[in-house]
Amino acid sequence: MKIRSTKTLIVALAITGTALVGTPAFAAAATPTLVLSGGSSVFGLDPAIIVATAGAPGNVAFSVGTNVIKGCEAIATTTVAPFVAKCTWAPAAPGATVLNATLTPTDTVGFTVANATPITVKIGTPVQGTTPSPISLYVDEVLASGSTGALAPRFGVSCAVTSQYILGQTIVFRVYGNDSDLGGAVLDSTNVASASIQVAGVATPIPLTYGNHSGVAFWSGVLKTGTAPGLYNTLGVINFKVTVVTKDQDSVKVLATKLQPRLGANGLRVKDASGRTVYDRVSYYRTVPVIPALKGAVGVWQSNFTATSLLTLYAVPTN
């Protein structure tokens, strides 16, 4: 009986495949890599391309913050390494935006779902002009001629365009602009009511004056830095805003069109086959009265360059 029982047990083990000692080992599913890149764009222009590079093939869901991007809910990666998926994305707003992505592998046995490390992209926004206005402005800063700051002897004392200054140097702001309400006319003392620069920490706005500078005319204002009373001495980024207000206008230039005879190389009018003069439609500005007067426009410029390009004041070097 014992012999038969032993044989029966051996047969049973053979049929079921059960081992008396230990059990088969199964490999744990791996988490593939998923890396995000791209996403740079200018708001309102071309869409951004977000790129996800995975360690295994599958489908990638792209999202802005926690919201999945429409049309990018399941973008298939390429089938050969590197496994890349791309999402075409139109940003809803400018500024810093956090992008995320999740990979669902094709091989769900060998791989687990993977989440990318979020990346932050800064969607571009125009630097020039911060308020809806017909006025466009250009602003820069130069080192005043004759500045006596610590670096002046090293770099010269001419009007060098720079955004970095040493305590004791004089900063000259240069501003020029145009007004589309005036047919794109240059902003000068005939059409500007006021122009100034507001510097954070300075109680009184710096007035801008219009004048000739070695043959070219523009608006300028001066900020003197130093340790003496009354001089600007706050180190770090200098936050400032330029404001230009144009005069009220009782007439404006408007864009219009007119027919103009086409002239040949000989200066004579061009005729068609029937002998009639050929006309071209051309654009031009014409002046029209405005009653009541058009309120002067307000143009505002405030830098939103990255930190390395912002106007900055440094301490005098110690060595």
C-alpha atoms as a PDB file:
ATOM      1  CA  MET A   1       0.000   0.000   0.000  1.00  0.00           C
ATOM      2  CA  LYS A   2       2.795   2.426   0.737  1.00  0.00           C
ATOM      3  CA  ILE A   3       4.391   1.737  -2.649  1.00  0.00           C
ATOM      4  CA  ARG A   4       1.143   2.377  -4.504  1.00  0.00           C
ATOM      5  CA  SER A   5       0.551   5.585  -2.497  1.00  0.00           C
ATOM      6  CA  THR A   6       4.013   6.856  -3.342  1.00  0.00           C
ATOM      7  CA  LYS A   7       3.522   6.190  -7.052  1.00  0.00           C
ATOM      8  CA  THR A   8       0.149   7.895  -6.981  1.00  0.00           C
ATOM      9  CA  LEU A   9       1.714  10.990  -5.393  1.00  0.00           C
ATOM     10  CA  ILE A  10       4.481  11.124  -8.022  1.00  0.00           C
ATOM     11  CA  VAL A  11       1.960  10.877 -10.873  1.00  0.00           C
ATOM     12  CA  ALA A  12      -0.192  13.567  -9.331  1.00  0.00           C
ATOM     13  CA  LEU A  13       2.776  15.906  -9.031  1.00  0.00           C
ATOM     14  CA  ALA A  14       3.733  15.256 -12.619  1.00  0.00           C
ATOM     15  CA  ILE A  15       0.202  16.031 -13.855  1.00  0.00           C
ATOM     16  CA  THR A  16      -0.247  19.258 -11.829  1.00  0.00           C
ATOM     17  CA  GLY A  17       3.338  20.449 -12.295  1.00  0.00           C
ATOM     18  CA  THR A  18       3.574  21.196  -8.578  1.00  0.00           C
ATOM     19  CA  ALA A  19       7.066  21.281  -7.110  1.00  0.00           C
ATOM     20  CA  LEU A  20       7.714  20.058  -3.645  1.00  0.00           C
ATOM     21  CA  VAL A  21      10.482  22.581  -3.054  1.00  0.00           C
ATOM     22  CA  GLY A  22      10.074  26.317  -4.026  1.00  0.00           C
ATOM     23  CA  THR A  23       7.842  28.049  -6.669  1.00  0.00           C
ATOM     24  CA  PRO A  24       8.684  29.590 -10.106  1.00  0.00           C
ATOM     25  CA  ALA A  25       9.968  33.242  -9.957  1.00  0.00           C
ATOM     26  CA  PHE A  26       8.354  35.975 -12.166  1.00  0.00           C
ATOM     27  CA  ALA A  27      10.187  39.214 -13.167  1.00  0.00           C
ATOM     28  CA  ALA A  28       8.605  42.433 -11.815  1.00  0.00           C
ATOM     29  CA  ALA A  29       7.255  44.884 -14.418  1.00  0.00           C
ATOM     30  CA  ALA A  30       9.675  47.745 -15.135  1.00  0.00           C
ATOM     31  CA  THR A  31       8.819  51.450 -15.126  1.00  0.00           C
ATOM     32  CA  PRO A  32      10.077  52.988 -18.385  1.00  0.00           C
ATOM     33  CA  THR A  33      11.640  56.416 -18.582  1.00  0.00           C
ATOM     34  CA  LEU A  34       9.616  59.365 -19.906  1.00  0.00           C
ATOM     35  CA  VAL A  35      11.299  62.715 -20.551  1.00  0.00           C
ATOM     36  CA  LEU A  36       9.595  65.921 -21.729  1.00  0.00           C
ATOM     37  CA  SER A  37      11.172  68.646 -23.860  1.00  0.00           C
ATOM     38  CA  GLY A  38      10.105  71.455 -26.208  1.00  0.00           C
ATOM     39  CA  GLY A  39       6.954  73.472 -25.601  1.00  0.00           C
ATOM     40  CA  SER A  40       8.515  76.859 -26.383  1.00  0.00           C
ATOM     41  CA  SER A  41       6.226  79.249 -28.261  1.00  0.00           C
ATOM     42  CA  VAL A  42       5.153  82.854 -28.702  1.00  0.00           C
ATOM     43  CA  PHE A  43       1.596  83.393 -27.518  1.00  0.00           C
ATOM     44  CA  GLY A  44      -0.841  83.933 -30.353  1.00  0.00           C
ATOM     45  CA  LEU A  45       1.614  82.860 -33.064  1.00  0.00           C
ATOM     46  CA  ASP A  46       2.749  79.380 -34.067  1.00  0.00           C
ATOM     47  CA  PRO A  47       1.691  76.480 -31.818  1.00  0.00           C
ATOM     48  CA  ALA A  48       4.239  74.799 -29.572  1.00  0.00           C
ATOM     49  CA  ILE A  49       5.532  71.272 -30.103  1.00  0.00           C
ATOM     50  CA  ILE A  50       5.870  69.211 -26.905  1.00  0.00           C
ATOM     51  CA  VAL A  51       8.142  66.170 -27.252  1.00  0.00           C
ATOM     52  CA  ALA A  52       8.001  63.076 -25.014  1.00  0.00           C
ATOM     53  CA  THR A  53      10.845  60.552 -25.261  1.00  0.00           C
ATOM     54  CA  ALA A  54       9.999  57.198 -23.662  1.00  0.00           C
ATOM     55  CA  GLY A  55      11.943  54.110 -22.694  1.00  0.00           C
ATOM     56  CA  ALA A  56       9.290  51.830 -24.185  1.00  0.00           C
ATOM     57  CA  PRO A  57       6.675  52.129 -26.941  1.00  0.00           C
ATOM     58  CA  GLY A  58       3.127  53.095 -26.042  1.00  0.00           C
ATOM     59  CA  ASN A  59       0.688  56.005 -25.925  1.00  0.00           C
ATOM     60  CA  VAL A  60       1.413  59.333 -24.259  1.00  0.00           C
ATOM     61  CA  ALA A  61      -1.178  61.651 -22.716  1.00  0.00           C
ATOM     62  CA  PHE A  62       0.063  65.268 -22.607  1.00  0.00           C
ATOM     63  CA  SER A  63      -1.354  67.778 -20.149  1.00  0.00           C
ATOM     64  CA  VAL A  64      -1.044  71.380 -19.012  1.00  0.00           C
ATOM     65  CA  GLY A  65      -1.047  71.188 -15.236  1.00  0.00           C
ATOM     66  CA  THR A  66      -3.710  68.568 -14.551  1.00  0.00           C
ATOM     67  CA  ASN A  67      -5.725  69.208 -17.727  1.00  0.00           C
ATOM     68  CA  VAL A  68      -5.111  66.863 -20.645  1.00  0.00           C
ATOM     69  CA  ILE A  69      -4.480  68.748 -23.893  1.00  0.00           C
ATOM     70  CA  LYS A  70      -7.314  68.244 -26.362  1.00  0.00           C
ATOM     71  CA  GLY A  71      -6.127  66.099 -29.244  1.00  0.00           C
ATOM     72  CA  CYS A  72      -3.138  64.824 -27.256  1.00  0.00           C
ATOM     73  CA  GLU A  73      -4.975  62.339 -25.019  1.00  0.00           C
ATOM     74  CA  ALA A  74      -3.189  59.306 -26.523  1.00  0.00           C
ATOM     75  CA  ILE A  75      -0.357  60.078 -28.932  1.00  0.00           C
ATOM     76  CA  ALA A  76       1.403  56.906 -30.089  1.00  0.00           C
ATOM     77  CA  THR A  77       5.177  56.817 -29.823  1.00  0.00           C
ATOM     78  CA  THR A  78       7.362  55.703 -32.674  1.00  0.00           C
ATOM     79  CA  THR A  79       7.781  51.922 -32.793  1.00  0.00           C
ATOM     80  CA  VAL A  80      11.578  51.973 -32.723  1.00  0.00           C
ATOM     81  CA  ALA A  81      13.911  53.531 -30.186  1.00  0.00           C
ATOM     82  CA  PRO A  82      14.040  56.318 -29.267  1.00  0.00           C
ATOM     83  CA  PHE A  83      10.290  56.054 -28.659  1.00  0.00           C
ATOM     84  CA  VAL A  84       9.078  59.601 -29.361  1.00  0.00           C
ATOM     85  CA  ALA A  85       5.601  61.131 -29.239  1.00  0.00           C
ATOM     86  CA  LYS A  86       4.824  64.746 -30.185  1.00  0.00           C
ATOM     87  CA  CYS A  87       1.916  66.981 -29.226  1.00  0.00           C
ATOM     88  CA  THR A  88       1.013  70.181 -31.099  1.00  0.00           C
ATOM     89  CA  TRP A  89      -0.281  72.626 -28.531  1.00  0.00           C
ATOM     90  CA  ALA A  90      -1.727  76.151 -28.731  1.00  0.00           C
ATOM     91  CA  PRO A  91      -1.100  77.859 -25.342  1.00  0.00           C
ATOM     92  CA  ALA A  92      -4.159  79.530 -23.823  1.00  0.00           C
ATOM     93  CA  ALA A  93      -2.131  82.285 -22.154  1.00  0.00           C
ATOM     94  CA  PRO A  94       1.415  83.695 -22.005  1.00  0.00           C
ATOM     95  CA  GLY A  95       3.767  83.185 -19.083  1.00  0.00           C
ATOM     96  CA  ALA A  96       5.054  80.218 -17.096  1.00  0.00           C
ATOM     97  CA  THR A  97       3.189  76.965 -17.777  1.00  0.00           C
ATOM     98  CA  VAL A  98       3.715  73.489 -16.284  1.00  0.00           C
ATOM     99  CA  LEU A  99       3.636  70.568 -18.734  1.00  0.00           C
ATOM    100  CA  ASN A 100       3.077  66.940 -17.775  1.00  0.00           C
ATOM    101  CA  ALA A 101       2.840  63.610 -19.610  1.00  0.00           C
ATOM    102  CA  THR A 102       1.875  60.011 -18.834  1.00  0.00           C
ATOM    103  CA  LEU A 103       2.980  56.951 -20.807  1.00  0.00           C
ATOM    104  CA  THR A 104       0.777  53.861 -21.088  1.00  0.00           C
ATOM    105  CA  PRO A 105       3.112  51.153 -22.475  1.00  0.00           C
ATOM    106  CA  THR A 106       1.993  48.825 -25.252  1.00  0.00           C
ATOM    107  CA  ASP A 107       3.481  45.919 -23.256  1.00  0.00           C
ATOM    108  CA  THR A 108       1.432  46.182 -20.071  1.00  0.00           C
ATOM    109  CA  VAL A 109       2.966  42.976 -18.670  1.00  0.00           C
ATOM    110  CA  GLY A 110       6.608  44.002 -18.935  1.00  0.00           C
ATOM    111  CA  PHE A 111       6.121  47.706 -18.183  1.00  0.00           C
ATOM    112  CA  THR A 112       4.086  49.876 -15.854  1.00  0.00           C
ATOM    113  CA  VAL A 113       2.541  53.279 -16.519  1.00  0.00           C
ATOM    114  CA  ALA A 114       5.160  56.060 -16.304  1.00  0.00           C
ATOM    115  CA  ASN A 115       4.812  59.740 -15.429  1.00  0.00           C
ATOM    116  CA  ALA A 116       7.282  62.303 -16.741  1.00  0.00           C
ATOM    117  CA  THR A 117       8.952  64.806 -14.479  1.00  0.00           C
ATOM    118  CA  PRO A 118       6.975  68.021 -15.098  1.00  0.00           C
ATOM    119  CA  ILE A 119       8.721  70.831 -16.938  1.00  0.00           C
ATOM    120  CA  THR A 120       7.952  74.544 -16.841  1.00  0.00           C
ATOM    121  CA  VAL A 121       7.996  76.506 -20.083  1.00  0.00           C
ATOM    122  CA  LYS A 122       7.602  80.253 -20.447  1.00  0.00           C
ATOM    123  CA  ILE A 123       5.259  81.148 -23.267  1.00  0.00           C
ATOM    124  CA  GLY A 124       6.531  84.308 -24.939  1.00  0.00           C
ATOM    125  CA  THR A 125       4.728  87.602 -24.744  1.00  0.00           C
ATOM    126  CA  PRO A 126       5.676  90.847 -26.518  1.00  0.00           C
ATOM    127  CA  VAL A 127       8.107  92.993 -24.562  1.00  0.00           C
ATOM    128  CA  GLN A 128       7.188  96.311 -26.145  1.00  0.00           C
ATOM    129  CA  GLY A 129       4.014  97.880 -24.824  1.00  0.00           C
ATOM    130  CA  THR A 130       1.984  96.685 -21.852  1.00  0.00           C
ATOM    131  CA  THR A 131      -1.347  98.397 -22.487  1.00  0.00           C
ATOM    132  CA  PRO A 132      -3.659  98.286 -25.540  1.00  0.00           C
ATOM    133  CA  SER A 133      -2.675 101.514 -27.223  1.00  0.00           C
ATOM    134  CA  PRO A 134      -1.997 103.060 -30.623  1.00  0.00           C
ATOM    135  CA  ILE A 135       1.380 104.086 -29.221  1.00  0.00           C
ATOM    136  CA  SER A 136       4.452 101.917 -29.700  1.00  0.00           C
ATOM    137  CA  LEU A 137       7.596 102.634 -27.684  1.00  0.00           C
ATOM    138  CA  TYR A 138      11.247 101.649 -27.784  1.00  0.00           C
ATOM    139  CA  VAL A 139      13.309 101.972 -24.604  1.00  0.00           C
ATOM    140  CA  ASP A 140      16.939 101.303 -23.738  1.00  0.00           C
ATOM    141  CA  GLU A 141      19.515 102.550 -21.247  1.00  0.00           C
ATOM    142  CA  VAL A 142      23.032 103.834 -21.810  1.00  0.00           C
ATOM    143  CA  LEU A 143      25.951 104.748 -19.581  1.00  0.00           C
ATOM    144  CA  ALA A 144      26.172 108.526 -19.528  1.00  0.00           C
ATOM    145  CA  SER A 145      29.219 110.151 -21.075  1.00  0.00           C
ATOM    146  CA  GLY A 146      31.643 111.107 -18.344  1.00  0.00           C
ATOM    147  CA  SER A 147      30.332 108.614 -15.775  1.00  0.00           C
ATOM    148  CA  THR A 148      32.848 108.040 -13.013  1.00  0.00           C
ATOM    149  CA  GLY A 149      31.731 104.632 -11.773  1.00  0.00           C
ATOM    150  CA  ALA A 150      34.297 102.010 -10.815  1.00  0.00           C
ATOM    151  CA  LEU A 151      34.160 100.341 -14.230  1.00  0.00           C
ATOM    152  CA  ALA A 152      34.139 103.512 -16.324  1.00  0.00           C
ATOM    153  CA  PRO A 153      37.922 103.674 -16.785  1.00  0.00           C
ATOM    154  CA  ARG A 154      37.969 100.020 -17.783  1.00  0.00           C
ATOM    155  CA  PHE A 155      35.142 100.126 -20.318  1.00  0.00           C
ATOM    156  CA  GLY A 156      35.306 103.767 -21.378  1.00  0.00           C
ATOM    157  CA  VAL A 157      32.955 106.626 -20.626  1.00  0.00           C
ATOM    158  CA  SER A 158      30.987 106.863 -23.886  1.00  0.00           C
ATOM    159  CA  CYS A 159      27.252 106.194 -24.216  1.00  0.00           C
ATOM    160  CA  ALA A 160      27.456 102.403 -24.112  1.00  0.00           C
ATOM    161  CA  VAL A 161      24.161 100.494 -24.290  1.00  0.00           C
ATOM    162  CA  THR A 162      23.985  98.157 -21.296  1.00  0.00           C
ATOM    163  CA  SER A 163      21.594  96.903 -18.630  1.00  0.00           C
ATOM    164  CA  GLN A 164      24.221  96.481 -15.889  1.00  0.00           C
ATOM    165  CA  TYR A 165      25.541  99.402 -13.870  1.00  0.00           C
ATOM    166  CA  ILE A 166      27.838 100.008 -10.899  1.00  0.00           C
ATOM    167  CA  LEU A 167      26.811 102.228  -7.997  1.00  0.00           C
ATOM    168  CA  GLY A 168      28.046 105.723  -8.801  1.00  0.00           C
ATOM    169  CA  GLN A 169      27.343 105.601 -12.529  1.00  0.00           C
ATOM    170  CA  THR A 170      24.703 107.679 -14.298  1.00  0.00           C
ATOM    171  CA  ILE A 171      21.987 105.893 -16.257  1.00  0.00           C
ATOM    172  CA  VAL A 172      20.410 107.601 -19.264  1.00  0.00           C
ATOM    173  CA  PHE A 173      17.080 106.272 -20.491  1.00  0.00           C
ATOM    174  CA  ARG A 174      16.429 106.683 -24.222  1.00  0.00           C
ATOM    175  CA  VAL A 175      12.860 106.521 -25.513  1.00  0.00           C
ATOM    176  CA  TYR A 176      11.296 106.953 -28.915  1.00  0.00           C
ATOM    177  CA  GLY A 177       8.000 105.875 -30.409  1.00  0.00           C
ATOM    178  CA  ASN A 178       5.200 106.332 -32.916  1.00  0.00           C
ATOM    179  CA  ASP A 179       1.454 106.871 -32.761  1.00  0.00           C
ATOM    180  CA  SER A 180      -0.774 105.009 -35.210  1.00  0.00           C
ATOM    181  CA  ASP A 181      -3.617 107.443 -34.442  1.00  0.00           C
ATOM    182  CA  LEU A 182      -1.439 110.099 -36.048  1.00  0.00           C
ATOM    183  CA  GLY A 183      -0.672 108.059 -39.131  1.00  0.00           C
ATOM    184  CA  GLY A 184       2.421 106.556 -37.513  1.00  0.00           C
ATOM    185  CA  ALA A 185       3.890 109.978 -36.688  1.00  0.00           C
ATOM    186  CA  VAL A 186       7.010 110.128 -34.543  1.00  0.00           C
ATOM    187  CA  LEU A 187       6.279 111.081 -30.935  1.00  0.00           C
ATOM    188  CA  ASP A 188       7.910 114.453 -30.339  1.00  0.00           C
ATOM    189  CA  SER A 189       7.305 117.607 -28.324  1.00  0.00           C
ATOM    190  CA  THR A 190       4.601 118.793 -30.755  1.00  0.00           C
ATOM    191  CA  ASN A 191       2.226 115.903 -30.097  1.00  0.00           C
ATOM    192  CA  VAL A 192       3.171 114.652 -26.613  1.00  0.00           C
ATOM    193  CA  ALA A 193       1.558 116.180 -23.523  1.00  0.00           C
ATOM    194  CA  SER A 194       3.741 114.396 -20.954  1.00  0.00           C
ATOM    195  CA  ALA A 195       6.432 111.732 -20.800  1.00  0.00           C
ATOM    196  CA  SER A 196       8.063 110.315 -17.691  1.00  0.00           C
ATOM    197  CA  ILE A 197       9.718 107.313 -16.051  1.00  0.00           C
ATOM    198  CA  GLN A 198       8.449 105.940 -12.761  1.00  0.00           C
ATOM    199  CA  VAL A 199      11.227 104.136 -10.857  1.00  0.00           C
ATOM    200  CA  ALA A 200      10.281 101.907  -7.927  1.00  0.00           C
ATOM    201  CA  GLY A 201      11.520 103.558  -4.740  1.00  0.00           C
ATOM    202  CA  VAL A 202      11.803 107.032  -6.277  1.00  0.00           C
ATOM    203  CA  ALA A 203       8.998 109.319  -5.138  1.00  0.00           C
ATOM    204  CA  THR A 204       9.022 111.725  -8.085  1.00  0.00           C
ATOM    205  CA  PRO A 205       8.785 110.455 -11.681  1.00  0.00           C
ATOM    206  CA  ILE A 206      11.785 111.276 -13.858  1.00  0.00           C
ATOM    207  CA  PRO A 207      10.703 113.656 -16.635  1.00  0.00           C
ATOM    208  CA  LEU A 208      11.594 112.769 -20.203  1.00  0.00           C
ATOM    209  CA  THR A 209      12.731 115.610 -22.442  1.00  0.00           C
ATOM    210  CA  TYR A 210      12.833 115.619 -26.234  1.00  0.00           C
ATOM    211  CA  GLY A 211      15.916 116.922 -27.952  1.00  0.00           C
ATOM    212  CA  ASN A 212      18.784 116.561 -30.375  1.00  0.00           C
ATOM    213  CA  HIS A 213      21.609 114.170 -29.481  1.00  0.00           C
ATOM    214  CA  SER A 214      24.498 114.371 -31.947  1.00  0.00           C
ATOM    215  CA  GLY A 215      22.189 114.569 -34.932  1.00  0.00           C
ATOM    216  CA  VAL A 216      19.340 112.306 -33.835  1.00  0.00           C
ATOM    217  CA  ALA A 217      16.357 113.283 -31.683  1.00  0.00           C
ATOM    218  CA  PHE A 218      14.674 111.203 -28.980  1.00  0.00           C
ATOM    219  CA  TRP A 219      13.302 111.404 -25.435  1.00  0.00           C
ATOM    220  CA  SER A 220      15.754 111.034 -22.561  1.00  0.00           C
ATOM    221  CA  GLY A 221      15.766 110.943 -18.780  1.00  0.00           C
ATOM    222  CA  VAL A 222      18.571 110.594 -16.223  1.00  0.00           C
ATOM    223  CA  LEU A 223      18.899 108.449 -13.089  1.00  0.00           C
ATOM    224  CA  LYS A 224      22.006 109.234 -11.046  1.00  0.00           C
ATOM    225  CA  THR A 225      23.196 106.501  -8.710  1.00  0.00           C
ATOM    226  CA  GLY A 226      25.546 106.767  -5.746  1.00  0.00           C
ATOM    227  CA  THR A 227      25.821 106.946  -1.972  1.00  0.00           C
ATOM    228  CA  ALA A 228      25.363 110.710  -1.617  1.00  0.00           C
ATOM    229  CA  PRO A 229      21.997 112.005  -0.344  1.00  0.00           C
ATOM    230  CA  GLY A 230      19.342 112.135  -3.027  1.00  0.00           C
ATOM    231  CA  LEU A 231      21.028 109.640  -5.336  1.00  0.00           C
ATOM    232  CA  TYR A 232      19.539 106.266  -6.180  1.00  0.00           C
ATOM    233  CA  ASN A 233      21.349 103.526  -4.254  1.00  0.00           C
ATOM    234  CA  THR A 234      19.101 100.430  -4.132  1.00  0.00           C
ATOM    235  CA  LEU A 235      21.108  97.478  -5.412  1.00  0.00           C
ATOM    236  CA  GLY A 236      19.557  94.799  -7.604  1.00  0.00           C
ATOM    237  CA  VAL A 237      16.976  95.008 -10.370  1.00  0.00           C
ATOM    238  CA  ILE A 238      15.683  98.530 -11.033  1.00  0.00           C
ATOM    239  CA  ASN A 239      11.975  98.256 -11.749  1.00  0.00           C
ATOM    240  CA  PHE A 240      10.756 101.120 -13.901  1.00  0.00           C
ATOM    241  CA  LYS A 241       7.877 102.083 -16.178  1.00  0.00           C
ATOM    242  CA  VAL A 242       7.754 104.551 -19.052  1.00  0.00           C
ATOM    243  CA  THR A 243       4.515 106.478 -19.619  1.00  0.00           C
ATOM    244  CA  VAL A 244       3.840 108.722 -22.602  1.00  0.00           C
ATOM    245  CA  VAL A 245       0.586 110.693 -22.992  1.00  0.00           C
ATOM    246  CA  THR A 246      -0.151 112.343 -26.315  1.00  0.00           C
ATOM    247  CA  LYS A 247      -1.995 115.636 -26.724  1.00  0.00           C
ATOM    248  CA  ASP A 248      -5.697 115.755 -27.512  1.00  0.00           C
ATOM    249  CA  GLN A 249      -6.199 115.881 -31.272  1.00  0.00           C
ATOM    250  CA  ASP A 250      -8.765 117.923 -33.194  1.00  0.00           C
ATOM    251  CA  SER A 251      -7.694 116.230 -36.424  1.00  0.00           C
ATOM    252  CA  VAL A 252      -6.261 112.842 -37.239  1.00  0.00           C
ATOM    253  CA  LYS A 253      -4.734 111.071 -40.194  1.00  0.00           C
ATOM    254  CA  VAL A 254      -6.728 108.127 -41.495  1.00  0.00           C
ATOM    255  CA  LEU A 255      -5.710 105.490 -43.997  1.00  0.00           C
ATOM    256  CA  ALA A 256      -7.579 105.797 -47.287  1.00  0.00           C
ATOM    257  CA  THR A 257      -7.253 104.601 -50.888  1.00  0.00           C
ATOM    258  CA  LYS A 258      -7.349 106.362 -54.225  1.00  0.00           C
ATOM    259  CA  LEU A 259      -6.918 105.625 -57.928  1.00  0.00           C
ATOM    260  CA  GLN A 260      -3.645 106.722 -59.437  1.00  0.00           C
ATOM    261  CA  PRO A 261      -2.635 106.548 -63.107  1.00  0.00           C
ATOM    262  CA  ARG A 262       0.017 103.939 -63.816  1.00  0.00           C
ATOM    263  CA  LEU A 263       3.135 105.496 -65.350  1.00  0.00           C
ATOM    264  CA  GLY A 264       5.568 103.778 -67.645  1.00  0.00           C
ATOM    265  CA  ALA A 265       9.366 103.982 -67.628  1.00  0.00           C
ATOM    266  CA  ASN A 266       9.109 107.045 -69.884  1.00  0.00           C
ATOM    267  CA  GLY A 267       6.930 108.850 -67.346  1.00  0.00           C
ATOM    268  CA  LEU A 268       3.838 108.690 -69.532  1.00  0.00           C
ATOM    269  CA  ARG A 269       0.545 107.107 -68.596  1.00  0.00           C
ATOM    270  CA  VAL A 270       0.145 103.432 -69.446  1.00  0.00           C
ATOM    271  CA  LYS A 271      -2.751 102.653 -71.782  1.00  0.00           C
ATOM    272  CA  ASP A 272      -4.669  99.393 -72.179  1.00  0.00           C
ATOM    273  CA  ALA A 273      -5.492  97.765 -75.529  1.00  0.00           C
ATOM    274  CA  SER A 274      -8.491 100.063 -76.028  1.00  0.00           C
ATOM    275  CA  GLY A 275      -6.454 103.192 -75.360  1.00  0.00           C
ATOM    276  CA  ARG A 276      -7.796 103.863 -71.862  1.00  0.00           C
ATOM    277  CA  THR A 277      -5.520 104.899 -69.018  1.00  0.00           C
ATOM    278  CA  VAL A 278      -4.625 102.095 -66.573  1.00  0.00           C
ATOM    279  CA  TYR A 279      -5.160 103.008 -62.904  1.00  0.00           C
ATOM    280  CA  ASP A 280      -3.739 101.447 -59.723  1.00  0.00           C
ATOM    281  CA  ARG A 281      -5.431 101.639 -56.345  1.00  0.00           C
ATOM    282  CA  VAL A 282      -2.951 102.964 -53.769  1.00  0.00           C
ATOM    283  CA  SER A 283      -3.182 103.750 -50.060  1.00  0.00           C
ATOM    284  CA  TYR A 284      -2.448 107.108 -48.447  1.00  0.00           C
ATOM    285  CA  TYR A 285      -3.179 109.044 -45.268  1.00  0.00           C
ATOM    286  CA  ARG A 286      -5.604 111.954 -45.280  1.00  0.00           C
ATOM    287  CA  THR A 287      -6.307 114.386 -42.468  1.00  0.00           C
ATOM    288  CA  VAL A 288      -9.871 114.609 -41.173  1.00  0.00           C
ATOM    289  CA  PRO A 289     -11.295 116.887 -38.434  1.00  0.00           C
ATOM    290  CA  VAL A 290     -12.455 115.323 -35.156  1.00  0.00           C
ATOM    291  CA  ILE A 291     -15.240 116.965 -33.125  1.00  0.00           C
ATOM    292  CA  PRO A 292     -15.059 116.730 -30.163  1.00  0.00           C
ATOM    293  CA  ALA A 293     -11.296 116.367 -29.974  1.00  0.00           C
ATOM    294  CA  LEU A 294      -9.791 112.892 -29.726  1.00  0.00           C
ATOM    295  CA  LYS A 295      -8.510 112.265 -26.203  1.00  0.00           C
ATOM    296  CA  GLY A 296      -4.757 111.808 -26.091  1.00  0.00           C
ATOM    297  CA  ALA A 297      -3.600 108.183 -26.019  1.00  0.00           C
ATOM    298  CA  VAL A 298      -1.524 106.706 -23.196  1.00  0.00           C
ATOM    299  CA  GLY A 299       1.442 104.504 -24.030  1.00  0.00           C
ATOM    300  CA  VAL A 300       3.083 102.412 -21.313  1.00  0.00           C
ATOM    301  CA  TRP A 301       6.290 100.381 -21.527  1.00  0.00           C
ATOM    302  CA  GLN A 302       7.529  98.108 -18.743  1.00  0.00           C
ATOM    303  CA  SER A 303      10.263  95.559 -19.273  1.00  0.00           C
ATOM    304  CA  ASN A 304       9.469  91.878 -18.920  1.00  0.00           C
ATOM    305  CA  PHE A 305      12.819  90.630 -20.131  1.00  0.00           C
ATOM    306  CA  THR A 306      14.359  87.664 -18.313  1.00  0.00           C
ATOM    307  CA  ALA A 307      16.308  88.464 -15.148  1.00  0.00           C
ATOM    308  CA  THR A 308      19.704  88.522 -16.877  1.00  0.00           C
ATOM    309  CA  SER A 309      18.535  91.321 -19.203  1.00  0.00           C
ATOM    310  CA  LEU A 310      16.777  93.535 -16.657  1.00  0.00           C
ATOM    311  CA  LEU A 311      18.239  96.880 -15.617  1.00  0.00           C
ATOM    312  CA  THR A 312      20.431  96.044 -12.605  1.00  0.00           C
ATOM    313  CA  LEU A 313      22.563  98.061 -10.203  1.00  0.00           C
ATOM    314  CA  TYR A 314      25.603  96.395  -8.577  1.00  0.00           C
ATOM    315  CA  ALA A 315      27.821  97.362  -5.687  1.00  0.00           C
ATOM    316  CA  VAL A 316      31.309  98.688  -6.326  1.00  0.00           C
ATOM    317  CA  PRO A 317      33.745  95.735  -6.670  1.00  0.00           C
ATOM    318  CA  THR A 318      35.968  95.235  -3.638  1.00  0.00           C
ATOM    319  CA  ASN A 319      39.012  94.077  -5.588  1.00  0.00           C
END
